[in-house]
Structures are given as structure tokens and as C-alpha cells.
Amino acid sequence: MTVVDIWFDPSCPYTWGTSRWLVEVTKVRPVSVRWNVMSLSVLNEGRDDDPEGDPEGYLWYPVRVCAAVREKHGHEALGRFYTELWNQENGADDWIGDFARALQRAGLPTALATSGPEYDDAVRASHAEAMARLGPHIGTPIVAVDDIAFFGPVLSRVPTGEQAGRLWDGALLVAATPGFNELVGHARTPL
């Protein structure tokens, strides 16, 4: 079984698509996912502009709750929570839903929904681990297997079944190529 790490900011809809792709990959390849948090708030600290449009710092809230879940209940629980956080039955539509309800649906204590700055060090440590894989100018998500790491992929539709597996195989092949840096493109036909 191959362990795949994903570092994600739970507020990013593009990361949500990538995470669902990885869940699909586990159905067709001998892969298990280990869930880790990273933070767009940490990534953008010290910038003159605010690319996330978050002057009040709200985006700290989701990553703190995720860090609390991971610290107290582990990677697998973080994956369950993240799944429920974006579940439409939890009130999520084009953004995340109710935190306490997501925790409850994931079998976790709802008190974690009030997690605060006491988890900032855990957020920063996990974020630093992600940045060490690819560098500080990369966003969310970062996916890593052994010595291979890559940003994304950013997906507008989540491939399923063998299509998910083929994308996985291709992503590993490209990312493992010495000197590879970036690939941007789109399919002309639906996946």
C-alpha cells in the first residue's frame, strides 16, 4: 500500500476537487491517503495584497479546527471531517458547511468547532512541512508520495474509476521527471 500525503486548506474549493480525486484513486490503486493541513492565511502572511479577500482573518478558523482534529484524533479523522465539511447534506453548497455538524457526522466531538489560536503552532508546523516539499510559492493542495511531490492537480470535474487511476499514474510520472516544474493545460473533450 502506498501512502499519499495531501496538505490542504479546507476553505479552498479547488482543493476539495483534488481531495475527491484522491479518494477515487484509492478505489482503483493500492493507495491510502494521509490528511494534513496547510493554510492560505499562513501562505499569504506579509503580502501587501490579500489574494484570498480575507481582511478579517476568517480563513484561520477552518484550519484551526482541522489542526485540532488531526492533533487529537489523527489523519484519518481529519479526512472524515473534511469530507463532511464539504458535504451538501451538511449545508455546503459552493463553500463549506456547518463545522459542528460536520464534526458530529464524522464521529468527532463537536467542541472542536471552537478551536482557536492555541492550534496556530500546529497549523504552521504542518504548513511548513508542505512548503518544504515544493517551496514557498505554491498554493493548496500539495500531494506527495515518497520523494515525489506536486501542486494540484486543479480539477473542474473529479474523474472517477479508471480515469482517476490514469490521472494518478500520469501525475506521478510527470512529477517524478527530474527538472519538472509545472504543467498547465486543459482537455478539449470531457473526461
N, C-alpha and C. Protein backbone atom coordinates (compact mmCIF):
# COMPACT_ATOMS: atom_id res chain seq x y z
N MET A 1 0.85 -1.18 0.00
CA MET A 1 0.00 0.00 0.00
C MET A 1 0.89 1.24 0.00
N THR A 2 0.62 2.16 -0.88
CA THR A 2 1.33 3.42 -0.98
C THR A 2 0.60 4.48 -0.18
N VAL A 3 1.32 5.19 0.68
CA VAL A 3 0.73 6.26 1.46
C VAL A 3 0.95 7.57 0.72
N VAL A 4 -0.14 8.29 0.49
CA VAL A 4 -0.12 9.58 -0.19
C VAL A 4 -0.49 10.65 0.82
N ASP A 5 0.36 11.66 0.95
CA ASP A 5 0.04 12.79 1.81
C ASP A 5 -0.60 13.89 0.98
N ILE A 6 -1.67 14.47 1.50
CA ILE A 6 -2.22 15.68 0.92
C ILE A 6 -2.25 16.74 2.00
N TRP A 7 -1.73 17.92 1.65
CA TRP A 7 -1.81 19.09 2.51
C TRP A 7 -2.84 20.00 1.87
N PHE A 8 -3.84 20.42 2.65
CA PHE A 8 -4.94 21.20 2.08
C PHE A 8 -5.36 22.31 3.01
N ASP A 9 -5.85 23.38 2.42
CA ASP A 9 -6.56 24.41 3.17
C ASP A 9 -8.03 24.07 2.98
N PRO A 10 -8.76 23.82 4.07
CA PRO A 10 -10.14 23.35 3.95
C PRO A 10 -11.10 24.35 3.32
N SER A 11 -10.70 25.60 3.18
CA SER A 11 -11.59 26.60 2.61
C SER A 11 -11.48 26.69 1.09
N CYS A 12 -10.54 26.00 0.48
CA CYS A 12 -10.29 26.12 -0.96
C CYS A 12 -11.13 25.11 -1.76
N PRO A 13 -12.03 25.60 -2.63
CA PRO A 13 -12.85 24.68 -3.42
C PRO A 13 -12.04 23.85 -4.41
N TYR A 14 -10.93 24.37 -4.91
CA TYR A 14 -10.10 23.59 -5.84
C TYR A 14 -9.47 22.41 -5.12
N THR A 15 -9.08 22.64 -3.89
CA THR A 15 -8.51 21.56 -3.09
C THR A 15 -9.55 20.47 -2.85
N TRP A 16 -10.79 20.87 -2.66
CA TRP A 16 -11.87 19.90 -2.47
C TRP A 16 -11.92 18.93 -3.65
N GLY A 17 -11.85 19.44 -4.87
CA GLY A 17 -11.87 18.56 -6.05
C GLY A 17 -10.69 17.61 -6.07
N THR A 18 -9.53 18.11 -5.74
CA THR A 18 -8.34 17.24 -5.71
C THR A 18 -8.50 16.16 -4.65
N SER A 19 -9.04 16.51 -3.51
CA SER A 19 -9.22 15.52 -2.45
C SER A 19 -10.19 14.43 -2.86
N ARG A 20 -11.24 14.80 -3.58
CA ARG A 20 -12.21 13.79 -4.04
C ARG A 20 -11.59 12.89 -5.09
N TRP A 21 -10.70 13.44 -5.92
CA TRP A 21 -9.97 12.63 -6.88
C TRP A 21 -9.11 11.61 -6.15
N LEU A 22 -8.40 12.04 -5.11
CA LEU A 22 -7.56 11.09 -4.36
C LEU A 22 -8.41 9.99 -3.72
N VAL A 23 -9.58 10.32 -3.23
CA VAL A 23 -10.47 9.30 -2.68
C VAL A 23 -10.85 8.31 -3.78
N GLU A 24 -11.10 8.80 -4.98
CA GLU A 24 -11.40 7.91 -6.11
C GLU A 24 -10.19 7.03 -6.44
N VAL A 25 -9.00 7.60 -6.38
CA VAL A 25 -7.77 6.84 -6.68
C VAL A 25 -7.66 5.64 -5.74
N THR A 26 -8.03 5.82 -4.47
CA THR A 26 -7.91 4.72 -3.50
C THR A 26 -8.80 3.54 -3.87
N LYS A 27 -9.77 3.76 -4.72
CA LYS A 27 -10.67 2.68 -5.15
C LYS A 27 -10.09 1.84 -6.28
N VAL A 28 -9.09 2.40 -7.00
CA VAL A 28 -8.56 1.69 -8.18
C VAL A 28 -7.05 1.48 -8.15
N ARG A 29 -6.38 2.01 -7.14
CA ARG A 29 -4.94 1.82 -6.98
C ARG A 29 -4.68 1.49 -5.51
N PRO A 30 -3.57 0.77 -5.22
CA PRO A 30 -3.24 0.44 -3.83
C PRO A 30 -2.65 1.65 -3.09
N VAL A 31 -3.53 2.61 -2.80
CA VAL A 31 -3.14 3.90 -2.24
C VAL A 31 -4.00 4.18 -1.02
N SER A 32 -3.40 4.74 0.02
CA SER A 32 -4.16 5.27 1.14
C SER A 32 -3.76 6.73 1.32
N VAL A 33 -4.69 7.54 1.78
CA VAL A 33 -4.46 8.98 1.90
C VAL A 33 -4.23 9.36 3.35
N ARG A 34 -3.19 10.17 3.57
CA ARG A 34 -2.92 10.72 4.89
C ARG A 34 -3.18 12.23 4.79
N TRP A 35 -4.12 12.71 5.59
CA TRP A 35 -4.63 14.08 5.52
C TRP A 35 -3.82 15.02 6.41
N ASN A 36 -3.41 16.16 5.84
CA ASN A 36 -2.61 17.17 6.53
C ASN A 36 -3.15 18.55 6.20
N VAL A 37 -2.98 19.49 7.10
CA VAL A 37 -3.50 20.83 6.88
C VAL A 37 -2.38 21.78 6.46
N MET A 38 -2.73 22.68 5.55
CA MET A 38 -1.88 23.82 5.25
C MET A 38 -2.80 25.04 5.26
N SER A 39 -2.25 26.23 5.17
CA SER A 39 -3.06 27.41 5.36
C SER A 39 -2.76 28.50 4.35
N LEU A 40 -3.80 28.94 3.64
CA LEU A 40 -3.64 30.09 2.76
C LEU A 40 -3.34 31.35 3.57
N SER A 41 -3.85 31.42 4.79
CA SER A 41 -3.55 32.57 5.65
C SER A 41 -2.06 32.64 5.97
N VAL A 42 -1.46 31.51 6.29
CA VAL A 42 -0.03 31.47 6.55
C VAL A 42 0.74 31.76 5.26
N LEU A 43 0.32 31.16 4.17
CA LEU A 43 0.99 31.33 2.89
C LEU A 43 1.05 32.80 2.49
N ASN A 44 -0.01 33.55 2.78
CA ASN A 44 -0.11 34.93 2.32
C ASN A 44 0.30 35.97 3.37
N GLU A 45 0.80 35.51 4.51
CA GLU A 45 1.25 36.46 5.53
C GLU A 45 2.35 37.37 4.98
N GLY A 46 2.25 38.64 5.34
CA GLY A 46 3.29 39.58 4.95
C GLY A 46 3.14 40.15 3.56
N ARG A 47 2.12 39.72 2.83
CA ARG A 47 1.90 40.26 1.48
C ARG A 47 1.20 41.61 1.58
N ASP A 48 1.47 42.48 0.62
CA ASP A 48 0.79 43.77 0.58
C ASP A 48 -0.64 43.65 0.09
N ASP A 49 -0.89 42.64 -0.74
CA ASP A 49 -2.25 42.42 -1.24
C ASP A 49 -2.88 41.28 -0.44
N ASP A 50 -4.16 41.05 -0.65
CA ASP A 50 -4.88 39.97 0.04
C ASP A 50 -5.54 39.10 -1.02
N PRO A 51 -4.80 38.14 -1.57
CA PRO A 51 -5.34 37.35 -2.68
C PRO A 51 -6.57 36.53 -2.31
N GLU A 52 -6.78 36.27 -1.04
CA GLU A 52 -7.95 35.48 -0.63
C GLU A 52 -9.12 36.36 -0.23
N GLY A 53 -8.93 37.68 -0.18
CA GLY A 53 -10.00 38.58 0.22
C GLY A 53 -10.49 38.30 1.64
N ASP A 54 -9.54 38.18 2.57
CA ASP A 54 -9.87 37.80 3.94
C ASP A 54 -9.27 38.78 4.95
N PRO A 55 -9.67 40.05 4.91
CA PRO A 55 -9.05 41.01 5.82
C PRO A 55 -9.36 40.76 7.29
N GLU A 56 -10.46 40.08 7.61
CA GLU A 56 -10.80 39.79 9.00
C GLU A 56 -10.13 38.53 9.52
N GLY A 57 -9.49 37.75 8.66
CA GLY A 57 -8.80 36.55 9.10
C GLY A 57 -9.70 35.34 9.33
N TYR A 58 -10.88 35.31 8.69
CA TYR A 58 -11.79 34.19 8.88
C TYR A 58 -11.17 32.85 8.47
N LEU A 59 -10.30 32.86 7.46
CA LEU A 59 -9.75 31.59 6.96
C LEU A 59 -8.88 30.88 7.99
N TRP A 60 -8.54 31.56 9.09
CA TRP A 60 -7.84 30.88 10.18
C TRP A 60 -8.76 29.87 10.87
N TYR A 61 -10.03 30.18 10.94
CA TYR A 61 -10.98 29.32 11.66
C TYR A 61 -11.00 27.89 11.11
N PRO A 62 -11.22 27.66 9.80
CA PRO A 62 -11.24 26.28 9.31
C PRO A 62 -9.94 25.51 9.55
N VAL A 63 -8.79 26.17 9.36
CA VAL A 63 -7.52 25.44 9.53
C VAL A 63 -7.25 25.12 10.99
N ARG A 64 -7.70 25.99 11.89
CA ARG A 64 -7.54 25.69 13.32
C ARG A 64 -8.37 24.48 13.73
N VAL A 65 -9.60 24.41 13.24
CA VAL A 65 -10.44 23.25 13.55
C VAL A 65 -9.80 21.99 12.97
N CYS A 66 -9.31 22.07 11.75
CA CYS A 66 -8.65 20.90 11.15
C CYS A 66 -7.41 20.49 11.93
N ALA A 67 -6.62 21.45 12.35
CA ALA A 67 -5.43 21.13 13.14
C ALA A 67 -5.81 20.46 14.46
N ALA A 68 -6.88 20.93 15.08
CA ALA A 68 -7.34 20.32 16.33
C ALA A 68 -7.78 18.88 16.10
N VAL A 69 -8.52 18.64 15.01
CA VAL A 69 -8.97 17.28 14.69
C VAL A 69 -7.76 16.38 14.49
N ARG A 70 -6.80 16.83 13.69
CA ARG A 70 -5.63 15.99 13.42
C ARG A 70 -4.84 15.74 14.69
N GLU A 71 -4.63 16.77 15.50
CA GLU A 71 -3.82 16.62 16.71
C GLU A 71 -4.48 15.68 17.72
N LYS A 72 -5.78 15.77 17.88
CA LYS A 72 -6.48 14.99 18.89
C LYS A 72 -6.99 13.63 18.40
N HIS A 73 -7.21 13.50 17.07
CA HIS A 73 -7.85 12.28 16.57
C HIS A 73 -7.15 11.65 15.37
N GLY A 74 -6.13 12.29 14.81
CA GLY A 74 -5.33 11.69 13.76
C GLY A 74 -5.74 12.04 12.34
N HIS A 75 -4.91 11.55 11.41
CA HIS A 75 -5.07 11.84 9.99
C HIS A 75 -6.40 11.33 9.43
N GLU A 76 -6.74 10.11 9.77
CA GLU A 76 -7.98 9.52 9.24
C GLU A 76 -9.20 10.32 9.67
N ALA A 77 -9.24 10.74 10.92
CA ALA A 77 -10.35 11.56 11.41
C ALA A 77 -10.40 12.90 10.68
N LEU A 78 -9.23 13.46 10.36
CA LEU A 78 -9.20 14.70 9.61
C LEU A 78 -9.82 14.50 8.23
N GLY A 79 -9.53 13.39 7.59
CA GLY A 79 -10.14 13.08 6.30
C GLY A 79 -11.66 12.96 6.39
N ARG A 80 -12.14 12.30 7.44
CA ARG A 80 -13.60 12.18 7.63
C ARG A 80 -14.25 13.54 7.86
N PHE A 81 -13.62 14.35 8.70
CA PHE A 81 -14.15 15.68 8.98
C PHE A 81 -14.19 16.53 7.71
N TYR A 82 -13.11 16.52 6.97
CA TYR A 82 -13.03 17.31 5.73
C TYR A 82 -14.11 16.88 4.75
N THR A 83 -14.34 15.59 4.63
CA THR A 83 -15.40 15.08 3.76
C THR A 83 -16.75 15.63 4.19
N GLU A 84 -17.02 15.58 5.47
CA GLU A 84 -18.32 16.06 5.97
C GLU A 84 -18.44 17.59 5.90
N LEU A 85 -17.33 18.29 6.03
CA LEU A 85 -17.35 19.74 5.99
C LEU A 85 -17.88 20.26 4.66
N TRP A 86 -17.55 19.55 3.58
CA TRP A 86 -17.99 19.97 2.25
C TRP A 86 -19.24 19.21 1.78
N ASN A 87 -19.78 18.35 2.59
CA ASN A 87 -20.95 17.55 2.24
C ASN A 87 -22.17 18.46 2.09
N GLN A 88 -22.87 18.37 0.96
CA GLN A 88 -24.04 19.21 0.74
C GLN A 88 -25.13 18.95 1.77
N GLU A 89 -25.19 17.76 2.30
CA GLU A 89 -26.17 17.46 3.35
C GLU A 89 -25.82 18.18 4.65
N ASN A 90 -24.61 18.72 4.73
CA ASN A 90 -24.15 19.47 5.90
C ASN A 90 -24.34 20.97 5.68
N GLY A 91 -25.00 21.34 4.60
CA GLY A 91 -25.22 22.75 4.34
C GLY A 91 -24.21 23.35 3.38
N ALA A 92 -23.23 22.58 2.94
CA ALA A 92 -22.24 23.10 2.00
C ALA A 92 -22.90 23.19 0.62
N ASP A 93 -22.67 24.28 -0.05
CA ASP A 93 -23.16 24.42 -1.42
C ASP A 93 -21.96 24.70 -2.30
N ASP A 94 -21.55 25.95 -2.36
CA ASP A 94 -20.33 26.25 -3.09
C ASP A 94 -19.19 26.58 -2.14
N TRP A 95 -19.46 26.39 -0.84
CA TRP A 95 -18.43 26.57 0.17
C TRP A 95 -18.73 25.65 1.33
N ILE A 96 -17.89 25.60 2.32
CA ILE A 96 -18.01 24.66 3.42
C ILE A 96 -19.27 24.89 4.26
N GLY A 97 -19.71 23.83 4.90
CA GLY A 97 -20.92 23.87 5.70
C GLY A 97 -20.66 24.11 7.18
N ASP A 98 -21.57 23.66 8.00
CA ASP A 98 -21.55 23.85 9.44
C ASP A 98 -20.47 23.00 10.10
N PHE A 99 -19.59 23.63 10.86
CA PHE A 99 -18.45 22.92 11.46
C PHE A 99 -18.89 21.90 12.51
N ALA A 100 -19.76 22.31 13.43
CA ALA A 100 -20.18 21.39 14.49
C ALA A 100 -20.91 20.19 13.90
N ARG A 101 -21.77 20.42 12.93
CA ARG A 101 -22.49 19.31 12.30
C ARG A 101 -21.53 18.39 11.55
N ALA A 102 -20.54 18.97 10.88
CA ALA A 102 -19.54 18.15 10.18
C ALA A 102 -18.76 17.29 11.16
N LEU A 103 -18.39 17.86 12.29
CA LEU A 103 -17.68 17.09 13.32
C LEU A 103 -18.55 15.95 13.82
N GLN A 104 -19.79 16.25 14.10
CA GLN A 104 -20.72 15.22 14.58
C GLN A 104 -20.88 14.11 13.55
N ARG A 105 -21.09 14.46 12.30
CA ARG A 105 -21.26 13.46 11.23
C ARG A 105 -20.01 12.62 11.03
N ALA A 106 -18.83 13.19 11.38
CA ALA A 106 -17.56 12.47 11.26
C ALA A 106 -17.25 11.66 12.51
N GLY A 107 -18.16 11.67 13.50
CA GLY A 107 -17.95 10.92 14.72
C GLY A 107 -16.95 11.57 15.67
N LEU A 108 -16.86 12.89 15.62
CA LEU A 108 -15.89 13.62 16.43
C LEU A 108 -16.61 14.57 17.39
N PRO A 109 -15.94 14.98 18.46
CA PRO A 109 -16.56 15.89 19.43
C PRO A 109 -16.87 17.25 18.80
N THR A 110 -18.10 17.70 18.96
CA THR A 110 -18.48 18.99 18.39
C THR A 110 -17.77 20.16 19.07
N ALA A 111 -17.23 19.96 20.26
CA ALA A 111 -16.50 21.01 20.96
C ALA A 111 -15.27 21.47 20.16
N LEU A 112 -14.78 20.64 19.25
CA LEU A 112 -13.63 21.03 18.43
C LEU A 112 -13.96 22.21 17.52
N ALA A 113 -15.23 22.49 17.30
CA ALA A 113 -15.64 23.61 16.45
C ALA A 113 -15.23 24.95 17.03
N THR A 114 -14.90 24.99 18.30
CA THR A 114 -14.49 26.24 18.93
C THR A 114 -12.97 26.36 19.04
N SER A 115 -12.25 25.51 18.33
CA SER A 115 -10.78 25.55 18.36
C SER A 115 -10.28 26.91 17.91
N GLY A 116 -9.29 27.42 18.61
CA GLY A 116 -8.82 28.77 18.34
C GLY A 116 -7.32 28.87 18.14
N PRO A 117 -6.75 30.03 18.46
CA PRO A 117 -5.33 30.30 18.22
C PRO A 117 -4.38 29.32 18.90
N GLU A 118 -4.85 28.56 19.88
CA GLU A 118 -3.97 27.58 20.51
C GLU A 118 -3.49 26.51 19.51
N TYR A 119 -4.12 26.45 18.34
CA TYR A 119 -3.70 25.49 17.31
C TYR A 119 -2.86 26.13 16.21
N ASP A 120 -2.55 27.42 16.34
CA ASP A 120 -1.77 28.10 15.31
C ASP A 120 -0.40 27.46 15.10
N ASP A 121 0.26 27.04 16.17
CA ASP A 121 1.57 26.40 16.02
C ASP A 121 1.45 25.10 15.23
N ALA A 122 0.40 24.33 15.48
CA ALA A 122 0.19 23.08 14.73
C ALA A 122 -0.10 23.37 13.27
N VAL A 123 -0.89 24.41 13.00
CA VAL A 123 -1.16 24.82 11.61
C VAL A 123 0.15 25.19 10.93
N ARG A 124 0.94 26.03 11.58
CA ARG A 124 2.20 26.50 10.99
C ARG A 124 3.19 25.35 10.76
N ALA A 125 3.25 24.42 11.69
CA ALA A 125 4.18 23.28 11.54
C ALA A 125 3.78 22.40 10.36
N SER A 126 2.50 22.10 10.24
CA SER A 126 2.04 21.28 9.13
C SER A 126 2.23 22.01 7.80
N HIS A 127 1.92 23.30 7.80
CA HIS A 127 2.10 24.12 6.60
C HIS A 127 3.58 24.14 6.19
N ALA A 128 4.48 24.29 7.15
CA ALA A 128 5.92 24.31 6.86
C ALA A 128 6.37 22.98 6.26
N GLU A 129 5.79 21.89 6.74
CA GLU A 129 6.12 20.58 6.17
C GLU A 129 5.74 20.52 4.70
N ALA A 130 4.59 21.07 4.36
CA ALA A 130 4.15 21.10 2.96
C ALA A 130 5.08 21.97 2.12
N MET A 131 5.42 23.15 2.63
CA MET A 131 6.27 24.07 1.89
C MET A 131 7.67 23.48 1.68
N ALA A 132 8.12 22.68 2.62
CA ALA A 132 9.44 22.05 2.48
C ALA A 132 9.46 21.09 1.30
N ARG A 133 8.31 20.59 0.91
CA ARG A 133 8.24 19.66 -0.22
C ARG A 133 8.41 20.35 -1.57
N LEU A 134 7.85 21.58 -1.71
CA LEU A 134 7.87 22.23 -3.03
C LEU A 134 8.35 23.67 -3.03
N GLY A 135 8.40 24.32 -1.90
CA GLY A 135 8.82 25.71 -1.86
C GLY A 135 7.68 26.63 -1.48
N PRO A 136 8.02 27.86 -1.12
CA PRO A 136 7.03 28.77 -0.53
C PRO A 136 6.08 29.43 -1.53
N HIS A 137 6.24 29.22 -2.81
CA HIS A 137 5.41 29.92 -3.79
C HIS A 137 4.34 29.01 -4.38
N ILE A 138 3.98 27.97 -3.66
CA ILE A 138 2.99 27.01 -4.11
C ILE A 138 1.76 27.14 -3.24
N GLY A 139 0.59 26.94 -3.83
CA GLY A 139 -0.66 27.01 -3.08
C GLY A 139 -1.15 25.65 -2.66
N THR A 140 -2.42 25.59 -2.39
CA THR A 140 -3.07 24.38 -1.92
C THR A 140 -3.82 23.72 -3.06
N PRO A 141 -3.77 22.42 -3.18
CA PRO A 141 -3.17 21.41 -2.32
C PRO A 141 -1.78 20.99 -2.79
N ILE A 142 -1.07 20.37 -1.89
CA ILE A 142 0.19 19.71 -2.23
C ILE A 142 -0.01 18.23 -1.96
N VAL A 143 0.38 17.43 -2.93
CA VAL A 143 0.26 15.98 -2.85
C VAL A 143 1.67 15.41 -2.90
N ALA A 144 1.97 14.44 -2.04
CA ALA A 144 3.31 13.86 -2.01
C ALA A 144 3.26 12.36 -1.77
N VAL A 145 4.16 11.67 -2.47
CA VAL A 145 4.39 10.24 -2.30
C VAL A 145 5.90 10.05 -2.27
N ASP A 146 6.41 9.55 -1.18
CA ASP A 146 7.86 9.35 -1.04
C ASP A 146 8.59 10.65 -1.40
N ASP A 147 9.47 10.61 -2.41
CA ASP A 147 10.24 11.79 -2.81
C ASP A 147 9.59 12.59 -3.93
N ILE A 148 8.38 12.24 -4.30
CA ILE A 148 7.66 12.93 -5.37
C ILE A 148 6.60 13.82 -4.74
N ALA A 149 6.56 15.07 -5.16
CA ALA A 149 5.53 15.99 -4.66
C ALA A 149 5.10 16.90 -5.80
N PHE A 150 3.84 17.31 -5.76
CA PHE A 150 3.33 18.23 -6.77
C PHE A 150 2.17 19.04 -6.22
N PHE A 151 1.94 20.18 -6.86
CA PHE A 151 0.80 21.04 -6.56
C PHE A 151 -0.37 20.57 -7.41
N GLY A 152 -1.54 20.47 -6.78
CA GLY A 152 -2.74 20.11 -7.54
C GLY A 152 -2.90 18.61 -7.64
N PRO A 153 -3.50 18.18 -8.71
CA PRO A 153 -3.99 18.95 -9.85
C PRO A 153 -5.26 19.72 -9.51
N VAL A 154 -5.43 20.85 -10.19
CA VAL A 154 -6.65 21.64 -10.06
C VAL A 154 -7.64 21.06 -11.06
N LEU A 155 -8.78 20.63 -10.56
CA LEU A 155 -9.77 19.93 -11.38
C LEU A 155 -11.12 20.65 -11.35
N SER A 156 -11.73 20.80 -12.53
CA SER A 156 -13.08 21.37 -12.57
C SER A 156 -14.13 20.27 -12.47
N ARG A 157 -13.74 19.04 -12.77
CA ARG A 157 -14.58 17.85 -12.58
C ARG A 157 -13.70 16.75 -12.02
N VAL A 158 -14.26 15.96 -11.15
CA VAL A 158 -13.49 14.90 -10.49
C VAL A 158 -13.60 13.62 -11.32
N PRO A 159 -12.47 13.13 -11.84
CA PRO A 159 -12.52 11.86 -12.55
C PRO A 159 -12.80 10.71 -11.58
N THR A 160 -13.47 9.70 -12.07
CA THR A 160 -13.80 8.54 -11.24
C THR A 160 -13.25 7.28 -11.90
N GLY A 161 -13.26 6.21 -11.13
CA GLY A 161 -12.86 4.91 -11.65
C GLY A 161 -11.47 4.94 -12.26
N GLU A 162 -11.33 4.24 -13.36
CA GLU A 162 -10.03 4.11 -14.01
C GLU A 162 -9.50 5.45 -14.52
N GLN A 163 -10.38 6.39 -14.85
CA GLN A 163 -9.90 7.72 -15.25
C GLN A 163 -9.14 8.38 -14.10
N ALA A 164 -9.64 8.22 -12.88
CA ALA A 164 -8.93 8.74 -11.72
C ALA A 164 -7.58 8.05 -11.58
N GLY A 165 -7.55 6.74 -11.78
CA GLY A 165 -6.31 5.99 -11.69
C GLY A 165 -5.30 6.40 -12.76
N ARG A 166 -5.76 6.62 -13.98
CA ARG A 166 -4.85 7.03 -15.06
C ARG A 166 -4.27 8.42 -14.77
N LEU A 167 -5.11 9.34 -14.25
CA LEU A 167 -4.59 10.66 -13.90
C LEU A 167 -3.54 10.52 -12.80
N TRP A 168 -3.78 9.65 -11.84
CA TRP A 168 -2.80 9.40 -10.78
C TRP A 168 -1.48 8.90 -11.36
N ASP A 169 -1.57 7.91 -12.23
CA ASP A 169 -0.36 7.35 -12.85
C ASP A 169 0.41 8.44 -13.60
N GLY A 170 -0.33 9.25 -14.36
CA GLY A 170 0.31 10.32 -15.13
C GLY A 170 0.91 11.40 -14.26
N ALA A 171 0.21 11.77 -13.20
CA ALA A 171 0.72 12.80 -12.30
C ALA A 171 2.03 12.34 -11.67
N LEU A 172 2.09 11.09 -11.25
CA LEU A 172 3.33 10.57 -10.67
C LEU A 172 4.45 10.54 -11.70
N LEU A 173 4.13 10.11 -12.91
CA LEU A 173 5.14 10.05 -13.97
C LEU A 173 5.72 11.43 -14.26
N VAL A 174 4.87 12.41 -14.43
CA VAL A 174 5.33 13.76 -14.74
C VAL A 174 6.09 14.36 -13.56
N ALA A 175 5.54 14.27 -12.36
CA ALA A 175 6.17 14.88 -11.19
C ALA A 175 7.51 14.24 -10.85
N ALA A 176 7.72 12.98 -11.22
CA ALA A 176 8.98 12.29 -10.93
C ALA A 176 10.07 12.60 -11.94
N THR A 177 9.75 13.31 -13.00
CA THR A 177 10.73 13.64 -14.03
C THR A 177 11.71 14.69 -13.50
N PRO A 178 13.01 14.38 -13.49
CA PRO A 178 13.99 15.36 -13.00
C PRO A 178 13.86 16.68 -13.76
N GLY A 179 13.84 17.77 -13.01
CA GLY A 179 13.75 19.09 -13.61
C GLY A 179 12.34 19.55 -13.90
N PHE A 180 11.35 18.66 -13.72
CA PHE A 180 9.96 19.07 -13.99
C PHE A 180 9.55 20.16 -13.01
N ASN A 181 8.86 21.18 -13.53
CA ASN A 181 8.43 22.28 -12.67
C ASN A 181 6.94 22.52 -12.73
N GLU A 182 6.35 22.62 -13.92
CA GLU A 182 4.95 23.00 -13.98
C GLU A 182 4.33 22.53 -15.29
N LEU A 183 3.05 22.21 -15.24
CA LEU A 183 2.28 21.84 -16.42
C LEU A 183 0.91 22.49 -16.27
N VAL A 184 0.52 23.26 -17.27
CA VAL A 184 -0.79 23.91 -17.26
C VAL A 184 -1.48 23.53 -18.55
N GLY A 185 -2.76 23.17 -18.47
CA GLY A 185 -3.48 22.83 -19.68
C GLY A 185 -4.90 22.45 -19.37
N HIS A 186 -5.61 22.02 -20.38
CA HIS A 186 -6.98 21.54 -20.19
C HIS A 186 -7.32 20.57 -21.30
N ALA A 187 -8.26 19.69 -21.03
CA ALA A 187 -8.72 18.72 -22.02
C ALA A 187 -9.78 19.37 -22.89
N ARG A 188 -9.71 19.14 -24.18
CA ARG A 188 -10.73 19.69 -25.08
C ARG A 188 -12.01 18.89 -25.03
N THR A 189 -11.88 17.63 -24.66
CA THR A 189 -13.08 16.78 -24.57
C THR A 189 -13.31 16.43 -23.11
N PRO A 190 -14.56 16.20 -22.73
CA PRO A 190 -14.82 15.84 -21.34
C PRO A 190 -14.10 14.57 -20.92
N LEU A 191 -13.69 14.52 -19.66
CA LEU A 191 -13.03 13.33 -19.13
C LEU A 191 -13.98 12.22 -19.02
